[in-house]
Amino acid sequence: MPKVGRDPHPADLHVGRQIATVRLQSDVSQAQLARSIGISCQQLQKYENARNRVSASMIYEIGKSLGVPVSRFFEGLPENGESGPEALQLPVDRIGFIASAEGRRLTERLIQLSPRVRARVSGLIAAIGEELNAPSTR
């Protein structure tokens, strides 16, 4: 169990990630969503990173603004009867990287490349990944 006051609860992390995921899938910037629900961009970042918990009314407003039901932000959480740390295991957070400043810059620059060059960059990254995961022959 996370330490009270220090580490965010895994459910709060999950909800924050889901907010970021839905926002990105909806092609809505943090500034646009924050403005539409009446909070600062910094506050929305804190919700998405689970530095601040999101109230039920704010989850409602976020869902309304993004056009999704509130339940969307809880998809993937264990049911009430499940417990233990394994019940709240979250998948690797690719959205966290995509939503970061570095991830956004990388994505924006990749989109500017021609499809042919993008495919070559993707192949290069895959080759580097294979090389890093290959057993050492030394």
C-alpha atoms as a PDB file:
ATOM      1  CA  MET A   1       0.000   0.000   0.000  1.00  0.00           C
ATOM      2  CA  PRO A   2       1.393   3.456  -0.839  1.00  0.00           C
ATOM      3  CA  LYS A   3       2.545   5.642   2.035  1.00  0.00           C
ATOM      4  CA  VAL A   4      -0.181   8.135   2.903  1.00  0.00           C
ATOM      5  CA  GLY A   5       0.775  11.635   1.835  1.00  0.00           C
ATOM      6  CA  ARG A   6       3.793  10.592  -0.264  1.00  0.00           C
ATOM      7  CA  ASP A   7       3.053   8.142  -3.033  1.00  0.00           C
ATOM      8  CA  PRO A   8      -0.098   8.408  -5.118  1.00  0.00           C
ATOM      9  CA  HIS A   9      -2.501   5.507  -4.844  1.00  0.00           C
ATOM     10  CA  PRO A  10      -2.339   3.212  -7.911  1.00  0.00           C
ATOM     11  CA  ALA A  11      -6.007   3.976  -8.633  1.00  0.00           C
ATOM     12  CA  ASP A  12      -5.207   7.710  -8.731  1.00  0.00           C
ATOM     13  CA  LEU A  13      -2.307   7.014 -11.099  1.00  0.00           C
ATOM     14  CA  HIS A  14      -4.629   4.969 -13.304  1.00  0.00           C
ATOM     15  CA  VAL A  15      -7.327   7.645 -13.452  1.00  0.00           C
ATOM     16  CA  GLY A  16      -4.735  10.333 -14.246  1.00  0.00           C
ATOM     17  CA  ARG A  17      -3.278   8.215 -17.050  1.00  0.00           C
ATOM     18  CA  GLN A  18      -6.729   7.582 -18.429  1.00  0.00           C
ATOM     19  CA  ILE A  19      -7.480  11.303 -18.470  1.00  0.00           C
ATOM     20  CA  ALA A  20      -4.260  11.885 -20.439  1.00  0.00           C
ATOM     21  CA  THR A  21      -5.036   8.977 -22.771  1.00  0.00           C
ATOM     22  CA  VAL A  22      -8.564  10.143 -23.589  1.00  0.00           C
ATOM     23  CA  ARG A  23      -7.371  13.720 -23.989  1.00  0.00           C
ATOM     24  CA  LEU A  24      -4.640  12.687 -26.444  1.00  0.00           C
ATOM     25  CA  GLN A  25      -6.987  10.361 -28.331  1.00  0.00           C
ATOM     26  CA  SER A  26      -9.422  13.271 -28.629  1.00  0.00           C
ATOM     27  CA  ASP A  27      -6.618  15.494 -29.966  1.00  0.00           C
ATOM     28  CA  VAL A  28      -7.218  18.016 -27.172  1.00  0.00           C
ATOM     29  CA  SER A  29      -4.287  19.908 -25.635  1.00  0.00           C
ATOM     30  CA  GLN A  30      -3.887  20.283 -21.888  1.00  0.00           C
ATOM     31  CA  ALA A  31      -4.541  24.011 -22.268  1.00  0.00           C
ATOM     32  CA  GLN A  32      -7.790  23.404 -24.178  1.00  0.00           C
ATOM     33  CA  LEU A  33      -9.122  20.887 -21.659  1.00  0.00           C
ATOM     34  CA  ALA A  34      -8.070  22.988 -18.666  1.00  0.00           C
ATOM     35  CA  ARG A  35      -9.805  26.047 -20.114  1.00  0.00           C
ATOM     36  CA  SER A  36     -12.989  24.095 -20.871  1.00  0.00           C
ATOM     37  CA  ILE A  37     -13.291  22.818 -17.293  1.00  0.00           C
ATOM     38  CA  GLY A  38     -12.174  26.030 -15.606  1.00  0.00           C
ATOM     39  CA  ILE A  39      -8.822  25.055 -14.103  1.00  0.00           C
ATOM     40  CA  SER A  40      -5.203  25.940 -14.810  1.00  0.00           C
ATOM     41  CA  CYS A  41      -3.030  23.901 -17.134  1.00  0.00           C
ATOM     42  CA  GLN A  42      -0.742  23.178 -14.158  1.00  0.00           C
ATOM     43  CA  GLN A  43      -3.660  21.742 -12.185  1.00  0.00           C
ATOM     44  CA  LEU A  44      -4.581  19.443 -15.084  1.00  0.00           C
ATOM     45  CA  GLN A  45      -0.954  18.274 -15.263  1.00  0.00           C
ATOM     46  CA  LYS A  46      -1.128  17.459 -11.550  1.00  0.00           C
ATOM     47  CA  TYR A  47      -4.295  15.415 -12.140  1.00  0.00           C
ATOM     48  CA  GLU A  48      -2.749  13.535 -15.068  1.00  0.00           C
ATOM     49  CA  ASN A  49       0.430  12.797 -13.078  1.00  0.00           C
ATOM     50  CA  ALA A  50      -1.552  11.907  -9.912  1.00  0.00           C
ATOM     51  CA  ARG A  51       0.239  14.567  -7.879  1.00  0.00           C
ATOM     52  CA  ASN A  52      -3.273  15.776  -6.994  1.00  0.00           C
ATOM     53  CA  ARG A  53      -6.344  13.581  -6.696  1.00  0.00           C
ATOM     54  CA  VAL A  54      -9.253  14.318  -8.998  1.00  0.00           C
ATOM     55  CA  SER A  55     -12.607  14.890  -7.294  1.00  0.00           C
ATOM     56  CA  ALA A  56     -15.732  13.116  -8.525  1.00  0.00           C
ATOM     57  CA  SER A  57     -17.206  16.395  -9.785  1.00  0.00           C
ATOM     58  CA  MET A  58     -14.018  17.181 -11.717  1.00  0.00           C
ATOM     59  CA  ILE A  59     -13.958  13.690 -13.273  1.00  0.00           C
ATOM     60  CA  TYR A  60     -17.548  14.354 -14.315  1.00  0.00           C
ATOM     61  CA  GLU A  61     -16.580  17.715 -15.906  1.00  0.00           C
ATOM     62  CA  ILE A  62     -13.572  16.177 -17.673  1.00  0.00           C
ATOM     63  CA  GLY A  63     -15.718  13.360 -19.079  1.00  0.00           C
ATOM     64  CA  LYS A  64     -18.378  15.821 -20.197  1.00  0.00           C
ATOM     65  CA  SER A  65     -15.787  18.032 -21.888  1.00  0.00           C
ATOM     66  CA  LEU A  66     -14.126  15.091 -23.673  1.00  0.00           C
ATOM     67  CA  GLY A  67     -17.445  13.449 -24.546  1.00  0.00           C
ATOM     68  CA  VAL A  68     -16.858  10.201 -22.670  1.00  0.00           C
ATOM     69  CA  PRO A  69     -18.678   8.579 -19.731  1.00  0.00           C
ATOM     70  CA  VAL A  70     -17.057   8.865 -16.300  1.00  0.00           C
ATOM     71  CA  SER A  71     -16.635   5.090 -16.287  1.00  0.00           C
ATOM     72  CA  ARG A  72     -14.054   5.441 -19.097  1.00  0.00           C
ATOM     73  CA  PHE A  73     -11.498   6.752 -16.608  1.00  0.00           C
ATOM     74  CA  PHE A  74     -11.877   3.653 -14.420  1.00  0.00           C
ATOM     75  CA  GLU A  75     -11.647   1.009 -17.155  1.00  0.00           C
ATOM     76  CA  GLY A  76      -8.944  -1.523 -16.360  1.00  0.00           C
ATOM     77  CA  LEU A  77      -9.067  -1.143 -12.587  1.00  0.00           C
ATOM     78  CA  PRO A  78      -9.775  -4.319 -10.609  1.00  0.00           C
ATOM     79  CA  GLU A  79     -13.295  -4.987  -9.393  1.00  0.00           C
ATOM     80  CA  ASN A  80     -14.238  -4.288  -5.768  1.00  0.00           C
ATOM     81  CA  GLY A  81     -13.701  -7.882  -4.615  1.00  0.00           C
ATOM     82  CA  GLU A  82     -10.096  -8.025  -5.844  1.00  0.00           C
ATOM     83  CA  SER A  83      -7.325  -6.899  -3.561  1.00  0.00           C
ATOM     84  CA  GLY A  84      -3.588  -6.954  -3.058  1.00  0.00           C
ATOM     85  CA  PRO A  85      -0.865  -5.185  -4.983  1.00  0.00           C
ATOM     86  CA  GLU A  86      -1.195  -7.510  -7.987  1.00  0.00           C
ATOM     87  CA  ALA A  87      -4.802  -6.380  -8.461  1.00  0.00           C
ATOM     88  CA  LEU A  88      -3.647  -2.817  -9.140  1.00  0.00           C
ATOM     89  CA  GLN A  89      -0.741  -3.651 -11.460  1.00  0.00           C
ATOM     90  CA  LEU A  90      -0.770  -1.068 -14.226  1.00  0.00           C
ATOM     91  CA  PRO A  91       0.581  -1.584 -17.753  1.00  0.00           C
ATOM     92  CA  VAL A  92       3.792   0.118 -18.875  1.00  0.00           C
ATOM     93  CA  ASP A  93       2.976   3.775 -19.294  1.00  0.00           C
ATOM     94  CA  ARG A  94       3.601   4.713 -22.912  1.00  0.00           C
ATOM     95  CA  ILE A  95       1.078   7.538 -22.633  1.00  0.00           C
ATOM     96  CA  GLY A  96       3.206   9.124 -19.924  1.00  0.00           C
ATOM     97  CA  PHE A  97       6.107   9.401 -22.353  1.00  0.00           C
ATOM     98  CA  ILE A  98       3.918  10.596 -25.224  1.00  0.00           C
ATOM     99  CA  ALA A  99       2.391  13.253 -22.978  1.00  0.00           C
ATOM    100  CA  SER A 100       5.801  14.440 -21.735  1.00  0.00           C
ATOM    101  CA  ALA A 101       7.532  17.412 -23.331  1.00  0.00           C
ATOM    102  CA  GLU A 102      10.175  15.089 -24.812  1.00  0.00           C
ATOM    103  CA  GLY A 103       7.535  12.738 -26.198  1.00  0.00           C
ATOM    104  CA  ARG A 104       5.557  15.583 -27.759  1.00  0.00           C
ATOM    105  CA  ARG A 105       8.697  17.048 -29.381  1.00  0.00           C
ATOM    106  CA  LEU A 106       9.678  13.653 -30.751  1.00  0.00           C
ATOM    107  CA  THR A 107       6.185  12.976 -32.079  1.00  0.00           C
ATOM    108  CA  GLU A 108       5.948  16.410 -33.700  1.00  0.00           C
ATOM    109  CA  ARG A 109       9.309  15.953 -35.417  1.00  0.00           C
ATOM    110  CA  LEU A 110       8.496  12.426 -36.588  1.00  0.00           C
ATOM    111  CA  ILE A 111       5.222  13.610 -38.108  1.00  0.00           C
ATOM    112  CA  GLN A 112       7.143  16.202 -40.141  1.00  0.00           C
ATOM    113  CA  LEU A 113       9.194  13.452 -41.809  1.00  0.00           C
ATOM    114  CA  SER A 114       8.088  11.829 -45.036  1.00  0.00           C
ATOM    115  CA  PRO A 115       6.490   8.365 -44.629  1.00  0.00           C
ATOM    116  CA  ARG A 116       9.560   6.755 -46.211  1.00  0.00           C
ATOM    117  CA  VAL A 117      11.993   8.430 -43.801  1.00  0.00           C
ATOM    118  CA  ARG A 118       9.670   7.699 -40.834  1.00  0.00           C
ATOM    119  CA  ALA A 119       9.716   4.009 -41.785  1.00  0.00           C
ATOM    120  CA  ARG A 120      13.522   4.061 -41.885  1.00  0.00           C
ATOM    121  CA  VAL A 121      13.731   5.786 -38.487  1.00  0.00           C
ATOM    122  CA  SER A 122      11.319   3.210 -37.077  1.00  0.00           C
ATOM    123  CA  GLY A 123      13.482   0.403 -38.518  1.00  0.00           C
ATOM    124  CA  LEU A 124      16.594   1.951 -36.997  1.00  0.00           C
ATOM    125  CA  ILE A 125      14.953   2.204 -33.574  1.00  0.00           C
ATOM    126  CA  ALA A 126      13.784  -1.428 -33.834  1.00  0.00           C
ATOM    127  CA  ALA A 127      17.318  -2.535 -34.764  1.00  0.00           C
ATOM    128  CA  ILE A 128      18.802  -0.642 -31.812  1.00  0.00           C
ATOM    129  CA  GLY A 129      16.227  -2.245 -29.509  1.00  0.00           C
ATOM    130  CA  GLU A 130      17.101  -5.713 -30.814  1.00  0.00           C
ATOM    131  CA  GLU A 131      20.787  -5.000 -30.320  1.00  0.00           C
ATOM    132  CA  LEU A 132      20.225  -3.855 -26.740  1.00  0.00           C
ATOM    133  CA  ASN A 133      18.155  -6.974 -25.979  1.00  0.00           C
ATOM    134  CA  ALA A 134      20.516  -9.435 -27.679  1.00  0.00           C
ATOM    135  CA  PRO A 135      22.622 -11.605 -25.367  1.00  0.00           C
ATOM    136  CA  SER A 136      26.225 -10.473 -25.210  1.00  0.00           C
ATOM    137  CA  THR A 137      28.617 -12.677 -27.213  1.00  0.00           C
ATOM    138  CA  ARG A 138      31.797 -11.375 -25.539  1.00  0.00           C
END
